[in-house]
Full PDB file with SEQRES, HELIX, SHEET, SSBOND, CRYST1, ORIGX, SCALE, CONECT and MASTER records, all heavy atoms in Angstrom:
SEQRES   1 A   31  ASP LYS THR GLN ALA LEU ILE ASP ALA PRO SER CYS SER          
SEQRES   2 A   31  ALA GLU ALA LYS ALA ALA ALA GLU ALA TRP LEU ALA ALA          
SEQRES   3 A   31  VAL GLY THR ALA ASP                                          
HELIX    1 AA1 LYS A    2  ASP A    8  1                                   7    
HELIX    2 AA2 ALA A   14  ALA A   26  1                                  13    
CRYST1    1.000    1.000    1.000  90.00  90.00  90.00 P 1           1          
ORIGX1      1.000000  0.000000  0.000000        0.00000                         
ORIGX2      0.000000  1.000000  0.000000        0.00000                         
ORIGX3      0.000000  0.000000  1.000000        0.00000                         
SCALE1      1.000000  0.000000  0.000000        0.00000                         
SCALE2      0.000000  1.000000  0.000000        0.00000                         
SCALE3      0.000000  0.000000  1.000000        0.00000                         
ATOM      1  N   ASP A   1     -24.304  12.518  -0.647  1.00  0.00           N  
ATOM      2  CA  ASP A   1     -24.833  13.861  -0.442  1.00  0.00           C  
ATOM      3  C   ASP A   1     -24.187  14.548   0.703  1.00  0.00           C  
ATOM      4  O   ASP A   1     -23.913  15.776   0.612  1.00  0.00           O  
ATOM      5  CB  ASP A   1     -26.397  13.719  -0.228  1.00  0.00           C  
ATOM      6  CG  ASP A   1     -27.207  13.351  -1.395  1.00  0.00           C  
ATOM      7  OD1 ASP A   1     -26.631  13.308  -2.600  1.00  0.00           O  
ATOM      8  OD2 ASP A   1     -28.406  12.875  -1.237  1.00  0.00           O  
ATOM      9  N   LYS A   2     -24.027  13.867   1.811  1.00  0.00           N  
ATOM     10  CA  LYS A   2     -23.295  14.509   2.960  1.00  0.00           C  
ATOM     11  C   LYS A   2     -21.907  14.818   2.664  1.00  0.00           C  
ATOM     12  O   LYS A   2     -21.374  15.776   3.150  1.00  0.00           O  
ATOM     13  CB  LYS A   2     -23.493  13.616   4.280  1.00  0.00           C  
ATOM     14  CG  LYS A   2     -24.884  13.451   4.708  1.00  0.00           C  
ATOM     15  CD  LYS A   2     -25.531  14.760   5.128  1.00  0.00           C  
ATOM     16  CE  LYS A   2     -26.933  14.640   5.627  1.00  0.00           C  
ATOM     17  NZ  LYS A   2     -27.556  15.965   5.917  1.00  0.00           N  
ATOM     18  N   THR A   3     -21.276  13.941   1.886  1.00  0.00           N  
ATOM     19  CA  THR A   3     -19.899  14.161   1.523  1.00  0.00           C  
ATOM     20  C   THR A   3     -19.804  15.545   0.617  1.00  0.00           C  
ATOM     21  O   THR A   3     -18.919  16.292   0.879  1.00  0.00           O  
ATOM     22  CB  THR A   3     -19.372  13.009   0.714  1.00  0.00           C  
ATOM     23  OG1 THR A   3     -19.315  11.852   1.645  1.00  0.00           O  
ATOM     24  CG2 THR A   3     -17.904  13.221   0.206  1.00  0.00           C  
ATOM     25  N   GLN A   4     -20.732  15.654  -0.291  1.00  0.00           N  
ATOM     26  CA  GLN A   4     -20.731  16.867  -1.088  1.00  0.00           C  
ATOM     27  C   GLN A   4     -20.949  18.084  -0.239  1.00  0.00           C  
ATOM     28  O   GLN A   4     -20.303  19.164  -0.442  1.00  0.00           O  
ATOM     29  CB  GLN A   4     -21.724  16.836  -2.240  1.00  0.00           C  
ATOM     30  CG  GLN A   4     -21.610  17.929  -3.208  1.00  0.00           C  
ATOM     31  CD  GLN A   4     -20.191  17.900  -3.860  1.00  0.00           C  
ATOM     32  OE1 GLN A   4     -19.772  16.946  -4.433  1.00  0.00           O  
ATOM     33  NE2 GLN A   4     -19.433  19.019  -3.793  1.00  0.00           N  
ATOM     34  N   ALA A   5     -21.837  17.989   0.804  1.00  0.00           N  
ATOM     35  CA  ALA A   5     -22.137  19.037   1.674  1.00  0.00           C  
ATOM     36  C   ALA A   5     -20.833  19.326   2.501  1.00  0.00           C  
ATOM     37  O   ALA A   5     -20.572  20.612   2.783  1.00  0.00           O  
ATOM     38  CB  ALA A   5     -23.243  18.728   2.659  1.00  0.00           C  
ATOM     39  N   LEU A   6     -20.073  18.398   2.890  1.00  0.00           N  
ATOM     40  CA  LEU A   6     -18.877  18.634   3.622  1.00  0.00           C  
ATOM     41  C   LEU A   6     -17.862  19.319   2.696  1.00  0.00           C  
ATOM     42  O   LEU A   6     -17.288  20.296   3.149  1.00  0.00           O  
ATOM     43  CB  LEU A   6     -18.247  17.240   3.992  1.00  0.00           C  
ATOM     44  CG  LEU A   6     -16.891  17.286   4.642  1.00  0.00           C  
ATOM     45  CD1 LEU A   6     -16.918  17.997   5.964  1.00  0.00           C  
ATOM     46  CD2 LEU A   6     -16.293  15.823   4.839  1.00  0.00           C  
ATOM     47  N   ILE A   7     -17.657  18.891   1.499  1.00  0.00           N  
ATOM     48  CA  ILE A   7     -16.749  19.489   0.566  1.00  0.00           C  
ATOM     49  C   ILE A   7     -17.086  20.937   0.401  1.00  0.00           C  
ATOM     50  O   ILE A   7     -16.185  21.806   0.222  1.00  0.00           O  
ATOM     51  CB  ILE A   7     -16.703  18.676  -0.817  1.00  0.00           C  
ATOM     52  CG1 ILE A   7     -16.029  17.384  -0.620  1.00  0.00           C  
ATOM     53  CG2 ILE A   7     -16.025  19.542  -1.859  1.00  0.00           C  
ATOM     54  CD1 ILE A   7     -16.232  16.412  -1.784  1.00  0.00           C  
ATOM     55  N   ASP A   8     -18.453  21.244   0.270  1.00  0.00           N  
ATOM     56  CA  ASP A   8     -18.854  22.629  -0.027  1.00  0.00           C  
ATOM     57  C   ASP A   8     -18.886  23.528   1.226  1.00  0.00           C  
ATOM     58  O   ASP A   8     -18.872  24.719   1.070  1.00  0.00           O  
ATOM     59  CB  ASP A   8     -20.329  22.587  -0.537  1.00  0.00           C  
ATOM     60  CG  ASP A   8     -20.459  21.870  -1.898  1.00  0.00           C  
ATOM     61  OD1 ASP A   8     -19.424  21.807  -2.578  1.00  0.00           O  
ATOM     62  OD2 ASP A   8     -21.542  21.461  -2.273  1.00  0.00           O  
ATOM     63  N   ALA A   9     -18.621  22.930   2.413  1.00  0.00           N  
ATOM     64  CA  ALA A   9     -18.721  23.733   3.583  1.00  0.00           C  
ATOM     65  C   ALA A   9     -17.420  24.633   3.770  1.00  0.00           C  
ATOM     66  O   ALA A   9     -16.361  24.089   3.654  1.00  0.00           O  
ATOM     67  CB  ALA A   9     -18.842  22.842   4.860  1.00  0.00           C  
ATOM     68  N   PRO A  10     -17.590  25.877   3.971  1.00  0.00           N  
ATOM     69  CA  PRO A  10     -16.501  26.754   4.159  1.00  0.00           C  
ATOM     70  C   PRO A  10     -15.612  26.353   5.387  1.00  0.00           C  
ATOM     71  O   PRO A  10     -14.355  26.682   5.314  1.00  0.00           O  
ATOM     72  CB  PRO A  10     -17.019  28.158   4.390  1.00  0.00           C  
ATOM     73  CG  PRO A  10     -18.481  28.044   4.049  1.00  0.00           C  
ATOM     74  CD  PRO A  10     -18.853  26.644   4.068  1.00  0.00           C  
ATOM     75  N   SER A  11     -16.172  25.664   6.388  1.00  0.00           N  
ATOM     76  CA  SER A  11     -15.441  25.318   7.522  1.00  0.00           C  
ATOM     77  C   SER A  11     -14.693  23.945   7.383  1.00  0.00           C  
ATOM     78  O   SER A  11     -14.077  23.449   8.314  1.00  0.00           O  
ATOM     79  CB  SER A  11     -16.347  25.285   8.759  1.00  0.00           C  
ATOM     80  OG  SER A  11     -17.522  24.477   8.460  1.00  0.00           O  
ATOM     81  N   CYS A  12     -14.823  23.330   6.237  1.00  0.00           N  
ATOM     82  CA  CYS A  12     -14.209  22.035   5.975  1.00  0.00           C  
ATOM     83  C   CYS A  12     -12.708  22.127   5.962  1.00  0.00           C  
ATOM     84  O   CYS A  12     -12.143  23.002   5.149  1.00  0.00           O  
ATOM     85  CB  CYS A  12     -14.716  21.345   4.661  1.00  0.00           C  
ATOM     86  SG  CYS A  12     -14.055  19.807   4.333  1.00  0.00           S  
ATOM     87  N   SER A  13     -12.010  21.295   6.644  1.00  0.00           N  
ATOM     88  CA  SER A  13     -10.531  21.311   6.605  1.00  0.00           C  
ATOM     89  C   SER A  13     -10.011  20.796   5.332  1.00  0.00           C  
ATOM     90  O   SER A  13     -10.722  20.049   4.549  1.00  0.00           O  
ATOM     91  CB  SER A  13      -9.963  20.506   7.825  1.00  0.00           C  
ATOM     92  OG  SER A  13     -10.126  19.083   7.486  1.00  0.00           O  
ATOM     93  N   ALA A  14      -8.801  21.178   5.009  1.00  0.00           N  
ATOM     94  CA  ALA A  14      -8.185  20.671   3.714  1.00  0.00           C  
ATOM     95  C   ALA A  14      -8.070  19.173   3.779  1.00  0.00           C  
ATOM     96  O   ALA A  14      -8.286  18.486   2.663  1.00  0.00           O  
ATOM     97  CB  ALA A  14      -6.778  21.308   3.543  1.00  0.00           C  
ATOM     98  N   GLU A  15      -7.753  18.609   4.846  1.00  0.00           N  
ATOM     99  CA  GLU A  15      -7.583  17.182   4.965  1.00  0.00           C  
ATOM    100  C   GLU A  15      -8.831  16.427   4.744  1.00  0.00           C  
ATOM    101  O   GLU A  15      -8.936  15.426   4.094  1.00  0.00           O  
ATOM    102  CB  GLU A  15      -6.988  16.820   6.382  1.00  0.00           C  
ATOM    103  CG  GLU A  15      -5.523  17.326   6.643  1.00  0.00           C  
ATOM    104  CD  GLU A  15      -5.606  18.813   7.129  1.00  0.00           C  
ATOM    105  OE1 GLU A  15      -6.621  19.366   7.400  1.00  0.00           O  
ATOM    106  OE2 GLU A  15      -4.496  19.306   7.281  1.00  0.00           O  
ATOM    107  N   ALA A  16      -9.926  16.913   5.417  1.00  0.00           N  
ATOM    108  CA  ALA A  16     -11.249  16.304   5.233  1.00  0.00           C  
ATOM    109  C   ALA A  16     -11.776  16.438   3.800  1.00  0.00           C  
ATOM    110  O   ALA A  16     -12.318  15.451   3.257  1.00  0.00           O  
ATOM    111  CB  ALA A  16     -12.308  16.923   6.223  1.00  0.00           C  
ATOM    112  N   LYS A  17     -11.561  17.544   3.211  1.00  0.00           N  
ATOM    113  CA  LYS A  17     -11.955  17.711   1.820  1.00  0.00           C  
ATOM    114  C   LYS A  17     -11.141  16.776   0.948  1.00  0.00           C  
ATOM    115  O   LYS A  17     -11.834  16.125   0.042  1.00  0.00           O  
ATOM    116  CB  LYS A  17     -11.634  19.250   1.390  1.00  0.00           C  
ATOM    117  CG  LYS A  17     -12.147  19.514  -0.087  1.00  0.00           C  
ATOM    118  CD  LYS A  17     -12.044  20.997  -0.311  1.00  0.00           C  
ATOM    119  CE  LYS A  17     -12.625  21.272  -1.703  1.00  0.00           C  
ATOM    120  NZ  LYS A  17     -12.659  22.636  -1.968  1.00  0.00           N  
ATOM    121  N   ALA A  18      -9.884  16.601   1.158  1.00  0.00           N  
ATOM    122  CA  ALA A  18      -9.157  15.660   0.284  1.00  0.00           C  
ATOM    123  C   ALA A  18      -9.624  14.247   0.478  1.00  0.00           C  
ATOM    124  O   ALA A  18      -9.762  13.463  -0.453  1.00  0.00           O  
ATOM    125  CB  ALA A  18      -7.605  15.746   0.642  1.00  0.00           C  
ATOM    126  N   ALA A  19      -9.875  13.878   1.747  1.00  0.00           N  
ATOM    127  CA  ALA A  19     -10.438  12.469   2.031  1.00  0.00           C  
ATOM    128  C   ALA A  19     -11.805  12.324   1.359  1.00  0.00           C  
ATOM    129  O   ALA A  19     -12.024  11.236   0.862  1.00  0.00           O  
ATOM    130  CB  ALA A  19     -10.430  12.256   3.560  1.00  0.00           C  
ATOM    131  N   ALA A  20     -12.615  13.313   1.439  1.00  0.00           N  
ATOM    132  CA  ALA A  20     -13.923  13.253   0.846  1.00  0.00           C  
ATOM    133  C   ALA A  20     -13.810  13.090  -0.665  1.00  0.00           C  
ATOM    134  O   ALA A  20     -14.522  12.242  -1.231  1.00  0.00           O  
ATOM    135  CB  ALA A  20     -14.745  14.502   1.179  1.00  0.00           C  
ATOM    136  N   GLU A  21     -13.012  13.840  -1.256  1.00  0.00           N  
ATOM    137  CA  GLU A  21     -12.877  13.742  -2.767  1.00  0.00           C  
ATOM    138  C   GLU A  21     -12.190  12.399  -3.103  1.00  0.00           C  
ATOM    139  O   GLU A  21     -12.611  11.848  -4.156  1.00  0.00           O  
ATOM    140  CB  GLU A  21     -11.988  14.930  -3.273  1.00  0.00           C  
ATOM    141  CG  GLU A  21     -12.709  16.312  -3.107  1.00  0.00           C  
ATOM    142  CD  GLU A  21     -11.877  17.423  -3.355  1.00  0.00           C  
ATOM    143  OE1 GLU A  21     -10.633  17.425  -3.242  1.00  0.00           O  
ATOM    144  OE2 GLU A  21     -12.373  18.555  -3.632  1.00  0.00           O  
ATOM    145  N   ALA A  22     -11.330  11.898  -2.358  1.00  0.00           N  
ATOM    146  CA  ALA A  22     -10.710  10.645  -2.686  1.00  0.00           C  
ATOM    147  C   ALA A  22     -11.723   9.482  -2.502  1.00  0.00           C  
ATOM    148  O   ALA A  22     -11.846   8.554  -3.387  1.00  0.00           O  
ATOM    149  CB  ALA A  22      -9.533  10.355  -1.744  1.00  0.00           C  
ATOM    150  N   TRP A  23     -12.616   9.622  -1.532  1.00  0.00           N  
ATOM    151  CA  TRP A  23     -13.703   8.651  -1.264  1.00  0.00           C  
ATOM    152  C   TRP A  23     -14.614   8.676  -2.473  1.00  0.00           C  
ATOM    153  O   TRP A  23     -14.978   7.616  -3.056  1.00  0.00           O  
ATOM    154  CB  TRP A  23     -14.399   8.802   0.074  1.00  0.00           C  
ATOM    155  CG  TRP A  23     -15.476   7.800   0.195  1.00  0.00           C  
ATOM    156  CD1 TRP A  23     -15.335   6.524   0.486  1.00  0.00           C  
ATOM    157  CD2 TRP A  23     -16.926   7.954  -0.159  1.00  0.00           C  
ATOM    158  NE1 TRP A  23     -16.550   5.859   0.517  1.00  0.00           N  
ATOM    159  CE2 TRP A  23     -17.540   6.802   0.158  1.00  0.00           C  
ATOM    160  CE3 TRP A  23     -17.655   9.099  -0.506  1.00  0.00           C  
ATOM    161  CZ2 TRP A  23     -18.901   6.615  -0.018  1.00  0.00           C  
ATOM    162  CZ3 TRP A  23     -18.979   8.940  -0.688  1.00  0.00           C  
ATOM    163  CH2 TRP A  23     -19.633   7.666  -0.447  1.00  0.00           C  
ATOM    164  N   LEU A  24     -15.099   9.873  -2.829  1.00  0.00           N  
ATOM    165  CA  LEU A  24     -15.958   9.974  -3.987  1.00  0.00           C  
ATOM    166  C   LEU A  24     -15.377   9.293  -5.266  1.00  0.00           C  
ATOM    167  O   LEU A  24     -16.118   8.616  -5.986  1.00  0.00           O  
ATOM    168  CB  LEU A  24     -16.414  11.398  -4.257  1.00  0.00           C  
ATOM    169  CG  LEU A  24     -17.500  11.976  -3.255  1.00  0.00           C  
ATOM    170  CD1 LEU A  24     -17.552  13.513  -3.506  1.00  0.00           C  
ATOM    171  CD2 LEU A  24     -18.730  11.294  -3.409  1.00  0.00           C  
ATOM    172  N   ALA A  25     -14.212   9.579  -5.440  1.00  0.00           N  
ATOM    173  CA  ALA A  25     -13.466   9.043  -6.690  1.00  0.00           C  
ATOM    174  C   ALA A  25     -13.301   7.527  -6.623  1.00  0.00           C  
ATOM    175  O   ALA A  25     -13.294   6.939  -7.584  1.00  0.00           O  
ATOM    176  CB  ALA A  25     -12.121   9.714  -6.849  1.00  0.00           C  
ATOM    177  N   ALA A  26     -13.315   7.003  -5.437  1.00  0.00           N  
ATOM    178  CA  ALA A  26     -13.133   5.586  -5.294  1.00  0.00           C  
ATOM    179  C   ALA A  26     -14.458   4.731  -5.289  1.00  0.00           C  
ATOM    180  O   ALA A  26     -14.394   3.530  -5.421  1.00  0.00           O  
ATOM    181  CB  ALA A  26     -12.383   5.225  -3.946  1.00  0.00           C  
ATOM    182  N   VAL A  27     -15.590   5.469  -5.101  1.00  0.00           N  
ATOM    183  CA  VAL A  27     -16.875   4.754  -5.093  1.00  0.00           C  
ATOM    184  C   VAL A  27     -17.039   3.952  -6.406  1.00  0.00           C  
ATOM    185  O   VAL A  27     -16.820   4.475  -7.506  1.00  0.00           O  
ATOM    186  CB  VAL A  27     -18.056   5.751  -4.928  1.00  0.00           C  
ATOM    187  CG1 VAL A  27     -19.387   5.017  -5.152  1.00  0.00           C  
ATOM    188  CG2 VAL A  27     -17.961   6.362  -3.516  1.00  0.00           C  
ATOM    189  N   GLY A  28     -17.374   2.667  -6.249  1.00  0.00           N  
ATOM    190  CA  GLY A  28     -17.582   1.823  -7.321  1.00  0.00           C  
ATOM    191  C   GLY A  28     -16.288   1.181  -7.897  1.00  0.00           C  
ATOM    192  O   GLY A  28     -16.368   0.452  -8.912  1.00  0.00           O  
ATOM    193  N   THR A  29     -15.150   1.426  -7.251  1.00  0.00           N  
ATOM    194  CA  THR A  29     -13.951   0.837  -7.724  1.00  0.00           C  
ATOM    195  C   THR A  29     -13.398  -0.194  -6.673  1.00  0.00           C  
ATOM    196  O   THR A  29     -13.976  -0.295  -5.588  1.00  0.00           O  
ATOM    197  CB  THR A  29     -12.847   1.933  -7.935  1.00  0.00           C  
ATOM    198  OG1 THR A  29     -12.430   2.382  -6.598  1.00  0.00           O  
ATOM    199  CG2 THR A  29     -13.306   3.118  -8.756  1.00  0.00           C  
ATOM    200  N   ALA A  30     -12.347  -0.865  -7.031  1.00  0.00           N  
ATOM    201  CA  ALA A  30     -11.738  -1.874  -6.125  1.00  0.00           C  
ATOM    202  C   ALA A  30     -11.138  -1.129  -4.890  1.00  0.00           C  
ATOM    203  O   ALA A  30     -10.925  -1.788  -3.854  1.00  0.00           O  
ATOM    204  CB  ALA A  30     -10.623  -2.519  -6.786  1.00  0.00           C  
ATOM    205  N   ASP A  31     -10.920   0.168  -4.947  1.00  0.00           N  
ATOM    206  CA  ASP A  31     -10.424   0.927  -3.796  1.00  0.00           C  
ATOM    207  C   ASP A  31     -11.423   1.465  -2.839  1.00  0.00           C  
ATOM    208  O   ASP A  31     -11.108   1.999  -1.803  1.00  0.00           O  
ATOM    209  CB  ASP A  31      -9.529   2.145  -4.324  1.00  0.00           C  
ATOM    210  CG  ASP A  31      -8.342   1.761  -5.055  1.00  0.00           C  
ATOM    211  OD1 ASP A  31      -7.798   0.569  -4.841  1.00  0.00           O  
ATOM    212  OD2 ASP A  31      -7.900   2.443  -5.979  1.00  0.00           O  
TER     213      ASP A  31                                                      
MASTER        0    0    0    2    0    0    0    6  212    1    0    3          
END                                                                             
């Protein structure tokens, strides 16, 4: 939930957004 809030925040940096999206994609995987 906090990760989605971060992604949706206008003040989120491109790097943080990319890391957040990569983390969400990796949840439940070996990565």
